[in-house]
Amino acid sequence: MTSLPDLKSFTEALAQDTLAALAAKSAPALAALEERRHQLLAQHLGFAPRRPIAPVYVVGDSHTLFFSGEDGMHQVKHRRVGLWRPRYITSGLDLLPCFRTRHLGPATAWRAFDHGSSTRGREKIDALLRYELKPEDRVLLSFGEIDCRCHIPKLVMTGTSVPDAVRPTIDRLLKLATHLQSRGLQVAFWGPAVITARSQTKNGHPLPVVGTFELRSQIARAFGAALHESCLEQNIPGVCLAGTYHDWNKPAAPEFFSDGFHLSQRLMPQALKALLDTGVFPLQTTTAMRPNTSPRPTPCS
C-alpha cells in the first residue's frame, strides 16, 4: 500500500479539519473526511480493512483519548449527564473509524462501578447504556492509571504489600465488566499503559504523582499481571502495553508520550496489533499486510 508522505502532518491536518467541521456543526463536512480517516487507519495497520468497520467504544479515563487518533487531546462535549450540577461525557476527535472514544473524566478503577463518585463515572456509563450502547457492541474499558499513579502508591507507602494493595481494585473493576456483559456487551480491558517518569503534576491535572518511579513501575506491573489473570479466568480480552515499549526498570523515551502522561500516536500501530491479536475487534484485510517491525504486543502481564 502507498505510504502517506508525512503521517504526522497528515494527522494534524485531519484533526484541524475535523475541529472546523465540528465547530461549524456541518454533517456534510464531517462525512467528507471519512476517506481520510480510513487512510489514517490503513497507514497504522499496514493494510486496508474491509468496510464497514464496526467500532469499538473506548470508555473510561483520559487514556481513552489515545484512541481518538491524535496527540492534541482535543475533546468535544458528547452527552450531558444530570440536571443538578451536570457533568459531561466527552469524546475525542475520533479520527480513526474503528474507535468511538467516551471520556468519563478522571475516573478510577476503584470507583468505576460505584454510583456517587466525584466524576459521576458510573452515572455516565448508565447514560451510555440507556442511549447509545446496544447488545453485541464492543466496549474497551480504560481504567487504572490514576490508581497506579496515585492511590495505590499511597496505600503501599503505609505498609501494605503491592499485591494486597492491587487486588481489591481489580476485584472492584471486574464488577463493572460483569455488569456490562449482563447487558449483552462484548467487554475488553485496556490496562494502564503509561508509567510517567514525572514527579510533579502538570497544570490542570486533577490527581498527583505519588511515590518514586520504581514504586509506580512495580505497582503497574502487578496491576497488569492481576488484570491479566482475572481476564483469563473470566474469558475477557485484556491488553496492556506497559513493559512492551520500554524496560520496566527505566522510564520510557519521551517520544512515546504526547505530554508525559498519555501515550503518543507513535504507539498506535502496536496498540492496534495487540487488540487484533487478542480478538478485541476482528478486521478483515482487503490488501496485503506489510511486515510489522514493532515489538510484539502481549496481553496484560
C-alpha atoms as a PDB file:
ATOM      1  CA  MET A   1       0.000   0.000   0.000  1.00  0.00           C
ATOM      2  CA  THR A   2       1.105   3.605  -0.535  1.00  0.00           C
ATOM      3  CA  SER A   3       2.581   5.394   2.471  1.00  0.00           C
ATOM      4  CA  LEU A   4       1.357   8.850   3.300  1.00  0.00           C
ATOM      5  CA  PRO A   5       4.187  11.337   2.747  1.00  0.00           C
ATOM      6  CA  ASP A   6       4.169  12.646   6.325  1.00  0.00           C
ATOM      7  CA  LEU A   7       1.898  10.808   8.751  1.00  0.00           C
ATOM      8  CA  LYS A   8       2.244  13.423  11.493  1.00  0.00           C
ATOM      9  CA  SER A   9       1.335  16.291   9.163  1.00  0.00           C
ATOM     10  CA  PHE A  10      -1.494  14.255   7.646  1.00  0.00           C
ATOM     11  CA  THR A  11      -2.921  13.552  11.119  1.00  0.00           C
ATOM     12  CA  GLU A  12      -2.609  17.164  12.264  1.00  0.00           C
ATOM     13  CA  ALA A  13      -4.339  18.432   9.118  1.00  0.00           C
ATOM     14  CA  LEU A  14      -7.133  15.899   9.539  1.00  0.00           C
ATOM     15  CA  ALA A  15      -7.542  16.956  13.179  1.00  0.00           C
ATOM     16  CA  GLN A  16      -7.795  20.637  12.250  1.00  0.00           C
ATOM     17  CA  ASP A  17     -10.324  19.944   9.509  1.00  0.00           C
ATOM     18  CA  THR A  18     -12.348  17.802  11.918  1.00  0.00           C
ATOM     19  CA  LEU A  19     -12.322  20.569  14.523  1.00  0.00           C
ATOM     20  CA  ALA A  20     -13.513  23.063  11.903  1.00  0.00           C
ATOM     21  CA  ALA A  21     -16.331  20.751  10.793  1.00  0.00           C
ATOM     22  CA  LEU A  22     -17.404  20.193  14.404  1.00  0.00           C
ATOM     23  CA  ALA A  23     -17.320  23.936  15.131  1.00  0.00           C
ATOM     24  CA  ALA A  24     -19.483  24.544  12.061  1.00  0.00           C
ATOM     25  CA  LYS A  25     -21.793  21.687  13.094  1.00  0.00           C
ATOM     26  CA  SER A  26     -21.568  20.512   9.495  1.00  0.00           C
ATOM     27  CA  ALA A  27     -22.501  16.878   8.956  1.00  0.00           C
ATOM     28  CA  PRO A  28     -21.555  17.050   5.237  1.00  0.00           C
ATOM     29  CA  ALA A  29     -18.099  18.407   6.115  1.00  0.00           C
ATOM     30  CA  LEU A  30     -17.550  15.585   8.602  1.00  0.00           C
ATOM     31  CA  ALA A  31     -18.736  12.999   6.066  1.00  0.00           C
ATOM     32  CA  ALA A  32     -16.280  14.387   3.527  1.00  0.00           C
ATOM     33  CA  LEU A  33     -13.418  13.488   5.894  1.00  0.00           C
ATOM     34  CA  GLU A  34     -14.358   9.805   6.080  1.00  0.00           C
ATOM     35  CA  GLU A  35     -11.959   8.620   3.384  1.00  0.00           C
ATOM     36  CA  ARG A  36      -9.034  10.367   5.080  1.00  0.00           C
ATOM     37  CA  ARG A  37      -9.954   8.664   8.370  1.00  0.00           C
ATOM     38  CA  HIS A  38      -9.762   5.284   6.662  1.00  0.00           C
ATOM     39  CA  GLN A  39      -6.446   6.214   5.091  1.00  0.00           C
ATOM     40  CA  LEU A  40      -5.066   7.013   8.543  1.00  0.00           C
ATOM     41  CA  LEU A  41      -6.221   3.683   9.951  1.00  0.00           C
ATOM     42  CA  ALA A  42      -4.758   1.759   6.997  1.00  0.00           C
ATOM     43  CA  GLN A  43      -1.444   3.523   7.474  1.00  0.00           C
ATOM     44  CA  HIS A  44      -1.250   2.475  11.134  1.00  0.00           C
ATOM     45  CA  LEU A  45      -2.354  -1.094  10.406  1.00  0.00           C
ATOM     46  CA  GLY A  46      -0.335  -1.712   7.285  1.00  0.00           C
ATOM     47  CA  PHE A  47      -3.431  -2.883   5.425  1.00  0.00           C
ATOM     48  CA  ALA A  48      -6.813  -1.550   4.401  1.00  0.00           C
ATOM     49  CA  PRO A  49      -9.610  -3.246   6.363  1.00  0.00           C
ATOM     50  CA  ARG A  50     -12.805  -4.255   4.652  1.00  0.00           C
ATOM     51  CA  ARG A  51     -15.661  -1.835   5.233  1.00  0.00           C
ATOM     52  CA  PRO A  52     -17.922  -1.196   7.055  1.00  0.00           C
ATOM     53  CA  ILE A  53     -15.976  -1.377  10.312  1.00  0.00           C
ATOM     54  CA  ALA A  54     -17.970  -1.969  13.483  1.00  0.00           C
ATOM     55  CA  PRO A  55     -16.472   0.484  16.010  1.00  0.00           C
ATOM     56  CA  VAL A  56     -15.134  -0.304  19.451  1.00  0.00           C
ATOM     57  CA  TYR A  57     -16.398   2.072  22.150  1.00  0.00           C
ATOM     58  CA  VAL A  58     -13.446   3.053  24.347  1.00  0.00           C
ATOM     59  CA  VAL A  59     -14.850   4.087  27.730  1.00  0.00           C
ATOM     60  CA  GLY A  60     -13.029   5.352  30.788  1.00  0.00           C
ATOM     61  CA  ASP A  61     -10.382   7.820  31.921  1.00  0.00           C
ATOM     62  CA  SER A  62      -8.371  10.268  29.836  1.00  0.00           C
ATOM     63  CA  HIS A  63      -6.317   7.449  28.304  1.00  0.00           C
ATOM     64  CA  THR A  64      -9.328   6.736  26.109  1.00  0.00           C
ATOM     65  CA  LEU A  65      -8.259   9.814  24.130  1.00  0.00           C
ATOM     66  CA  PHE A  66      -5.219   7.952  22.770  1.00  0.00           C
ATOM     67  CA  PHE A  67      -7.720   6.047  20.612  1.00  0.00           C
ATOM     68  CA  SER A  68      -9.009   9.277  19.087  1.00  0.00           C
ATOM     69  CA  GLY A  69      -6.018   9.027  16.748  1.00  0.00           C
ATOM     70  CA  GLU A  70      -4.268  12.324  17.525  1.00  0.00           C
ATOM     71  CA  ASP A  71      -1.952  13.728  20.156  1.00  0.00           C
ATOM     72  CA  GLY A  72      -3.704  17.034  20.718  1.00  0.00           C
ATOM     73  CA  MET A  73      -6.006  15.615  23.432  1.00  0.00           C
ATOM     74  CA  HIS A  74      -8.894  17.580  21.889  1.00  0.00           C
ATOM     75  CA  GLN A  75     -12.281  16.913  23.445  1.00  0.00           C
ATOM     76  CA  VAL A  76     -15.829  17.806  22.492  1.00  0.00           C
ATOM     77  CA  LYS A  77     -18.919  17.544  24.654  1.00  0.00           C
ATOM     78  CA  HIS A  78     -20.729  14.359  23.757  1.00  0.00           C
ATOM     79  CA  ARG A  79     -23.522  13.874  26.289  1.00  0.00           C
ATOM     80  CA  ARG A  80     -24.807  15.739  29.324  1.00  0.00           C
ATOM     81  CA  VAL A  81     -25.487  13.699  32.454  1.00  0.00           C
ATOM     82  CA  GLY A  82     -27.571  15.019  35.353  1.00  0.00           C
ATOM     83  CA  LEU A  83     -29.712  18.101  35.825  1.00  0.00           C
ATOM     84  CA  TRP A  84     -28.279  19.483  39.045  1.00  0.00           C
ATOM     85  CA  ARG A  85     -24.579  20.282  38.563  1.00  0.00           C
ATOM     86  CA  PRO A  86     -24.475  18.421  35.231  1.00  0.00           C
ATOM     87  CA  ARG A  87     -21.402  16.521  34.099  1.00  0.00           C
ATOM     88  CA  TYR A  88     -20.420  15.728  30.534  1.00  0.00           C
ATOM     89  CA  ILE A  89     -19.181  12.693  28.727  1.00  0.00           C
ATOM     90  CA  THR A  90     -16.679  13.957  26.187  1.00  0.00           C
ATOM     91  CA  SER A  91     -15.258  12.398  23.071  1.00  0.00           C
ATOM     92  CA  GLY A  92     -12.045  12.878  21.192  1.00  0.00           C
ATOM     93  CA  LEU A  93     -11.954  13.837  17.535  1.00  0.00           C
ATOM     94  CA  ASP A  94     -12.201  10.129  16.656  1.00  0.00           C
ATOM     95  CA  LEU A  95     -10.013  10.328  13.577  1.00  0.00           C
ATOM     96  CA  LEU A  96      -9.816   6.526  13.407  1.00  0.00           C
ATOM     97  CA  PRO A  97     -13.032   4.922  12.112  1.00  0.00           C
ATOM     98  CA  CYS A  98     -12.624   1.838  14.328  1.00  0.00           C
ATOM     99  CA  PHE A  99     -12.978   3.690  17.654  1.00  0.00           C
ATOM    100  CA  ARG A 100     -15.558   5.837  19.446  1.00  0.00           C
ATOM    101  CA  THR A 101     -13.960   7.467  22.487  1.00  0.00           C
ATOM    102  CA  ARG A 102     -16.108   8.183  25.543  1.00  0.00           C
ATOM    103  CA  HIS A 103     -14.121  10.007  28.218  1.00  0.00           C
ATOM    104  CA  LEU A 104     -15.791   9.919  31.639  1.00  0.00           C
ATOM    105  CA  GLY A 105     -13.343  12.264  33.358  1.00  0.00           C
ATOM    106  CA  PRO A 106     -10.588  11.277  35.831  1.00  0.00           C
ATOM    107  CA  ALA A 107     -12.444   8.106  36.807  1.00  0.00           C
ATOM    108  CA  THR A 108     -10.592   5.470  38.827  1.00  0.00           C
ATOM    109  CA  ALA A 109     -10.741   1.694  38.666  1.00  0.00           C
ATOM    110  CA  TRP A 110     -11.615   1.721  42.391  1.00  0.00           C
ATOM    111  CA  ARG A 111     -14.815   3.722  41.852  1.00  0.00           C
ATOM    112  CA  ALA A 112     -15.656   2.643  38.292  1.00  0.00           C
ATOM    113  CA  PHE A 113     -18.659   0.568  39.399  1.00  0.00           C
ATOM    114  CA  ASP A 114     -19.828   2.951  42.147  1.00  0.00           C
ATOM    115  CA  HIS A 115     -22.589   5.499  41.914  1.00  0.00           C
ATOM    116  CA  GLY A 116     -21.875   8.848  43.522  1.00  0.00           C
ATOM    117  CA  SER A 117     -18.173   9.268  42.764  1.00  0.00           C
ATOM    118  CA  SER A 118     -16.819  12.761  42.191  1.00  0.00           C
ATOM    119  CA  THR A 119     -16.634  12.167  38.438  1.00  0.00           C
ATOM    120  CA  ARG A 120     -20.083  10.508  38.288  1.00  0.00           C
ATOM    121  CA  GLY A 121     -18.384   7.887  36.144  1.00  0.00           C
ATOM    122  CA  ARG A 122     -20.946   5.159  36.801  1.00  0.00           C
ATOM    123  CA  GLU A 123     -23.826   7.532  36.094  1.00  0.00           C
ATOM    124  CA  LYS A 124     -22.186   8.380  32.774  1.00  0.00           C
ATOM    125  CA  ILE A 125     -21.858   4.686  31.947  1.00  0.00           C
ATOM    126  CA  ASP A 126     -25.547   4.247  32.800  1.00  0.00           C
ATOM    127  CA  ALA A 127     -26.352   7.054  30.357  1.00  0.00           C
ATOM    128  CA  LEU A 128     -24.332   5.353  27.621  1.00  0.00           C
ATOM    129  CA  LEU A 129     -26.243   2.142  28.295  1.00  0.00           C
ATOM    130  CA  ARG A 130     -29.570   3.944  28.072  1.00  0.00           C
ATOM    131  CA  TYR A 131     -28.952   5.999  24.972  1.00  0.00           C
ATOM    132  CA  GLU A 132     -26.066   4.621  22.972  1.00  0.00           C
ATOM    133  CA  LEU A 133     -24.636   1.169  23.667  1.00  0.00           C
ATOM    134  CA  LYS A 134     -26.541  -1.791  22.258  1.00  0.00           C
ATOM    135  CA  PRO A 135     -26.212  -5.541  22.859  1.00  0.00           C
ATOM    136  CA  GLU A 136     -23.240  -7.017  20.973  1.00  0.00           C
ATOM    137  CA  ASP A 137     -21.424  -3.666  20.851  1.00  0.00           C
ATOM    138  CA  ARG A 138     -17.735  -3.923  21.682  1.00  0.00           C
ATOM    139  CA  VAL A 139     -16.542  -1.908  24.685  1.00  0.00           C
ATOM    140  CA  LEU A 140     -12.908  -1.386  25.671  1.00  0.00           C
ATOM    141  CA  LEU A 141     -12.626  -0.233  29.291  1.00  0.00           C
ATOM    142  CA  SER A 142      -9.721   2.034  30.219  1.00  0.00           C
ATOM    143  CA  PHE A 143      -9.240   2.424  33.975  1.00  0.00           C
ATOM    144  CA  GLY A 144      -6.376   2.061  36.437  1.00  0.00           C
ATOM    145  CA  GLU A 145      -3.628   4.511  35.513  1.00  0.00           C
ATOM    146  CA  ILE A 146      -4.785   7.001  38.132  1.00  0.00           C
ATOM    147  CA  ASP A 147      -4.942   4.225  40.738  1.00  0.00           C
ATOM    148  CA  CYS A 148      -1.391   3.092  39.862  1.00  0.00           C
ATOM    149  CA  ARG A 149      -0.028   6.647  39.842  1.00  0.00           C
ATOM    150  CA  CYS A 150      -1.710   7.987  42.949  1.00  0.00           C
ATOM    151  CA  HIS A 151      -3.966   5.897  45.181  1.00  0.00           C
ATOM    152  CA  ILE A 152      -2.243   2.508  45.301  1.00  0.00           C
ATOM    153  CA  PRO A 153       1.223   4.046  45.940  1.00  0.00           C
ATOM    154  CA  LYS A 154      -0.254   5.881  48.937  1.00  0.00           C
ATOM    155  CA  LEU A 155      -1.521   2.576  50.329  1.00  0.00           C
ATOM    156  CA  VAL A 156       1.787   0.779  49.734  1.00  0.00           C
ATOM    157  CA  MET A 157       3.679   3.593  51.438  1.00  0.00           C
ATOM    158  CA  THR A 158       1.637   2.938  54.591  1.00  0.00           C
ATOM    159  CA  GLY A 159       2.956  -0.634  54.729  1.00  0.00           C
ATOM    160  CA  THR A 160       0.513  -2.667  52.601  1.00  0.00           C
ATOM    161  CA  SER A 161       2.212  -5.077  50.200  1.00  0.00           C
ATOM    162  CA  VAL A 162       1.884  -4.334  46.482  1.00  0.00           C
ATOM    163  CA  PRO A 163      -0.219  -7.466  45.730  1.00  0.00           C
ATOM    164  CA  ASP A 164      -2.540  -6.759  48.666  1.00  0.00           C
ATOM    165  CA  ALA A 165      -2.901  -3.133  47.562  1.00  0.00           C
ATOM    166  CA  VAL A 166      -3.639  -4.031  43.938  1.00  0.00           C
ATOM    167  CA  ARG A 167      -6.038  -6.966  44.287  1.00  0.00           C
ATOM    168  CA  PRO A 168      -9.085  -5.161  45.774  1.00  0.00           C
ATOM    169  CA  THR A 169      -9.007  -2.572  42.974  1.00  0.00           C
ATOM    170  CA  ILE A 170      -9.000  -5.300  40.325  1.00  0.00           C
ATOM    171  CA  ASP A 171     -11.898  -7.067  42.043  1.00  0.00           C
ATOM    172  CA  ARG A 172     -13.966  -3.877  42.100  1.00  0.00           C
ATOM    173  CA  LEU A 173     -13.176  -3.117  38.466  1.00  0.00           C
ATOM    174  CA  LEU A 174     -14.253  -6.602  37.374  1.00  0.00           C
ATOM    175  CA  LYS A 175     -17.726  -5.891  38.762  1.00  0.00           C
ATOM    176  CA  LEU A 176     -18.176  -3.290  36.026  1.00  0.00           C
ATOM    177  CA  ALA A 177     -17.184  -5.780  33.328  1.00  0.00           C
ATOM    178  CA  THR A 178     -19.641  -8.344  34.673  1.00  0.00           C
ATOM    179  CA  HIS A 179     -22.402  -5.735  34.732  1.00  0.00           C
ATOM    180  CA  LEU A 180     -21.759  -4.700  31.127  1.00  0.00           C
ATOM    181  CA  GLN A 181     -21.630  -8.309  29.989  1.00  0.00           C
ATOM    182  CA  SER A 182     -25.017  -8.865  31.616  1.00  0.00           C
ATOM    183  CA  ARG A 183     -26.320  -6.166  29.259  1.00  0.00           C
ATOM    184  CA  GLY A 184     -25.106  -8.123  26.238  1.00  0.00           C
ATOM    185  CA  LEU A 185     -21.952  -6.094  25.551  1.00  0.00           C
ATOM    186  CA  GLN A 186     -18.640  -7.569  24.439  1.00  0.00           C
ATOM    187  CA  VAL A 187     -16.172  -6.264  27.017  1.00  0.00           C
ATOM    188  CA  ALA A 188     -12.388  -5.981  26.963  1.00  0.00           C
ATOM    189  CA  PHE A 189      -9.812  -4.174  29.126  1.00  0.00           C
ATOM    190  CA  TRP A 190      -7.105  -1.702  28.168  1.00  0.00           C
ATOM    191  CA  GLY A 191      -4.666  -1.942  31.061  1.00  0.00           C
ATOM    192  CA  PRO A 192      -2.642   1.074  32.268  1.00  0.00           C
ATOM    193  CA  ALA A 193      -0.027   1.520  29.548  1.00  0.00           C
ATOM    194  CA  VAL A 194       1.770   4.549  30.983  1.00  0.00           C
ATOM    195  CA  ILE A 195       4.187   4.859  33.878  1.00  0.00           C
ATOM    196  CA  THR A 196       5.003   8.530  33.990  1.00  0.00           C
ATOM    197  CA  ALA A 197       8.535   9.482  34.966  1.00  0.00           C
ATOM    198  CA  ARG A 198       7.380  12.906  36.084  1.00  0.00           C
ATOM    199  CA  SER A 199       7.423  13.655  39.779  1.00  0.00           C
ATOM    200  CA  GLN A 200       5.073  16.616  39.656  1.00  0.00           C
ATOM    201  CA  THR A 201       1.544  17.035  38.395  1.00  0.00           C
ATOM    202  CA  LYS A 202       1.164  19.022  35.178  1.00  0.00           C
ATOM    203  CA  ASN A 203      -1.048  22.102  35.161  1.00  0.00           C
ATOM    204  CA  GLY A 204      -4.708  21.241  35.159  1.00  0.00           C
ATOM    205  CA  HIS A 205      -4.174  17.595  36.022  1.00  0.00           C
ATOM    206  CA  PRO A 206      -6.558  16.666  38.875  1.00  0.00           C
ATOM    207  CA  LEU A 207      -4.508  13.986  40.641  1.00  0.00           C
ATOM    208  CA  PRO A 208      -0.909  13.976  41.855  1.00  0.00           C
ATOM    209  CA  VAL A 209       2.026  11.721  41.152  1.00  0.00           C
ATOM    210  CA  VAL A 210       2.826   9.729  44.302  1.00  0.00           C
ATOM    211  CA  GLY A 211       5.977   7.773  45.131  1.00  0.00           C
ATOM    212  CA  THR A 212       9.071   7.016  43.094  1.00  0.00           C
ATOM    213  CA  PHE A 213       9.091   5.860  39.502  1.00  0.00           C
ATOM    214  CA  GLU A 214      10.379   2.488  40.706  1.00  0.00           C
ATOM    215  CA  LEU A 215       7.410   2.067  43.066  1.00  0.00           C
ATOM    216  CA  ARG A 216       4.876   3.089  40.428  1.00  0.00           C
ATOM    217  CA  SER A 217       6.501   0.727  37.949  1.00  0.00           C
ATOM    218  CA  GLN A 218       6.251  -2.150  40.415  1.00  0.00           C
ATOM    219  CA  ILE A 219       2.594  -1.340  41.047  1.00  0.00           C
ATOM    220  CA  ALA A 220       1.756  -1.007  37.342  1.00  0.00           C
ATOM    221  CA  ARG A 221       3.394  -4.354  36.630  1.00  0.00           C
ATOM    222  CA  ALA A 222       1.467  -6.040  39.454  1.00  0.00           C
ATOM    223  CA  PHE A 223      -1.770  -4.367  38.337  1.00  0.00           C
ATOM    224  CA  GLY A 224      -1.288  -5.593  34.765  1.00  0.00           C
ATOM    225  CA  ALA A 225      -0.498  -9.122  35.917  1.00  0.00           C
ATOM    226  CA  ALA A 226      -3.530  -9.264  38.225  1.00  0.00           C
ATOM    227  CA  LEU A 227      -5.775  -7.867  35.499  1.00  0.00           C
ATOM    228  CA  HIS A 228      -4.417 -10.420  33.026  1.00  0.00           C
ATOM    229  CA  GLU A 229      -5.099 -13.254  35.472  1.00  0.00           C
ATOM    230  CA  SER A 230      -8.657 -12.059  36.067  1.00  0.00           C
ATOM    231  CA  CYS A 231      -9.259 -11.641  32.331  1.00  0.00           C
ATOM    232  CA  LEU A 232      -8.163 -15.226  31.724  1.00  0.00           C
ATOM    233  CA  GLU A 233     -10.430 -16.516  34.492  1.00  0.00           C
ATOM    234  CA  GLN A 234     -13.454 -14.680  33.073  1.00  0.00           C
ATOM    235  CA  ASN A 235     -12.575 -15.096  29.387  1.00  0.00           C
ATOM    236  CA  ILE A 236     -12.308 -11.337  28.854  1.00  0.00           C
ATOM    237  CA  PRO A 237      -9.730  -9.989  26.372  1.00  0.00           C
ATOM    238  CA  GLY A 238      -7.191  -7.749  28.033  1.00  0.00           C
ATOM    239  CA  VAL A 239      -4.302  -5.773  26.574  1.00  0.00           C
ATOM    240  CA  CYS A 240      -1.595  -3.749  28.287  1.00  0.00           C
ATOM    241  CA  LEU A 241       1.366  -2.158  26.512  1.00  0.00           C
ATOM    242  CA  ALA A 242       3.258  -1.277  29.686  1.00  0.00           C
ATOM    243  CA  GLY A 243       6.585  -3.087  29.655  1.00  0.00           C
ATOM    244  CA  THR A 244       6.477  -3.774  25.896  1.00  0.00           C
ATOM    245  CA  TYR A 245       7.837  -0.462  24.615  1.00  0.00           C
ATOM    246  CA  HIS A 246      10.237   0.215  27.489  1.00  0.00           C
ATOM    247  CA  ASP A 247      12.292  -1.523  30.151  1.00  0.00           C
ATOM    248  CA  TRP A 248      10.314  -1.956  33.374  1.00  0.00           C
ATOM    249  CA  ASN A 249      13.200  -0.504  35.373  1.00  0.00           C
ATOM    250  CA  LYS A 250      13.679   2.582  33.211  1.00  0.00           C
ATOM    251  CA  PRO A 251      11.366   5.381  32.106  1.00  0.00           C
ATOM    252  CA  ALA A 252      10.165   5.163  28.514  1.00  0.00           C
ATOM    253  CA  ALA A 253      11.647   7.546  25.968  1.00  0.00           C
ATOM    254  CA  PRO A 254       9.866  10.917  25.790  1.00  0.00           C
ATOM    255  CA  GLU A 255       8.725  10.356  22.202  1.00  0.00           C
ATOM    256  CA  PHE A 256       6.333   7.649  23.387  1.00  0.00           C
ATOM    257  CA  PHE A 257       4.269  10.277  25.235  1.00  0.00           C
ATOM    258  CA  SER A 258       2.151  13.107  23.957  1.00  0.00           C
ATOM    259  CA  ASP A 259       2.533  15.094  27.185  1.00  0.00           C
ATOM    260  CA  GLY A 260       4.382  12.933  29.714  1.00  0.00           C
ATOM    261  CA  PHE A 261       1.135  11.369  30.960  1.00  0.00           C
ATOM    262  CA  HIS A 262      -0.510   9.939  27.830  1.00  0.00           C
ATOM    263  CA  LEU A 263       0.699   7.706  25.004  1.00  0.00           C
ATOM    264  CA  SER A 264       1.592   9.270  21.673  1.00  0.00           C
ATOM    265  CA  GLN A 265       0.327   8.056  18.324  1.00  0.00           C
ATOM    266  CA  ARG A 266       3.783   6.576  17.758  1.00  0.00           C
ATOM    267  CA  LEU A 267       2.415   3.538  19.625  1.00  0.00           C
ATOM    268  CA  MET A 268      -0.871   3.264  17.730  1.00  0.00           C
ATOM    269  CA  PRO A 269       0.379   0.512  15.340  1.00  0.00           C
ATOM    270  CA  GLN A 270       1.461  -1.571  18.325  1.00  0.00           C
ATOM    271  CA  ALA A 271      -1.829  -0.964  20.136  1.00  0.00           C
ATOM    272  CA  LEU A 272      -3.879  -1.929  17.078  1.00  0.00           C
ATOM    273  CA  LYS A 273      -1.876  -5.114  16.609  1.00  0.00           C
ATOM    274  CA  ALA A 274      -2.366  -6.044  20.261  1.00  0.00           C
ATOM    275  CA  LEU A 275      -6.116  -5.514  20.004  1.00  0.00           C
ATOM    276  CA  LEU A 276      -6.283  -7.568  16.817  1.00  0.00           C
ATOM    277  CA  ASP A 277      -4.162 -10.383  18.261  1.00  0.00           C
ATOM    278  CA  THR A 278      -6.391 -10.685  21.330  1.00  0.00           C
ATOM    279  CA  GLY A 279      -9.648 -10.532  19.373  1.00  0.00           C
ATOM    280  CA  VAL A 280     -10.900  -7.232  20.750  1.00  0.00           C
ATOM    281  CA  PHE A 281     -12.071  -6.500  17.247  1.00  0.00           C
ATOM    282  CA  PRO A 282     -11.840  -8.510  14.041  1.00  0.00           C
ATOM    283  CA  LEU A 283     -10.777  -6.670  10.916  1.00  0.00           C
ATOM    284  CA  GLN A 284     -10.726  -8.274   7.503  1.00  0.00           C
ATOM    285  CA  THR A 285      -7.980  -7.432   5.036  1.00  0.00           C
ATOM    286  CA  THR A 286      -8.528  -6.044   1.568  1.00  0.00           C
ATOM    287  CA  THR A 287      -4.835  -5.523   0.784  1.00  0.00           C
ATOM    288  CA  ALA A 288      -1.745  -7.404   1.879  1.00  0.00           C
ATOM    289  CA  MET A 289      -0.324  -6.562   5.288  1.00  0.00           C
ATOM    290  CA  ARG A 290       3.158  -5.124   5.238  1.00  0.00           C
ATOM    291  CA  PRO A 291       5.767  -6.556   7.627  1.00  0.00           C
ATOM    292  CA  ASN A 292       5.341  -5.217  11.157  1.00  0.00           C
ATOM    293  CA  THR A 293       8.653  -4.488  12.843  1.00  0.00           C
ATOM    294  CA  SER A 294       7.222  -3.148  16.134  1.00  0.00           C
ATOM    295  CA  PRO A 295       7.812  -5.159  19.320  1.00  0.00           C
ATOM    296  CA  ARG A 296       5.241  -7.924  19.617  1.00  0.00           C
ATOM    297  CA  PRO A 297       2.476  -6.720  21.968  1.00  0.00           C
ATOM    298  CA  THR A 298       1.230  -9.038  24.653  1.00  0.00           C
ATOM    299  CA  PRO A 299      -1.830  -9.254  26.900  1.00  0.00           C
ATOM    300  CA  CYS A 300      -1.667  -7.686  30.343  1.00  0.00           C
ATOM    301  CA  SER A 301       1.141  -9.458  32.164  1.00  0.00           C
END
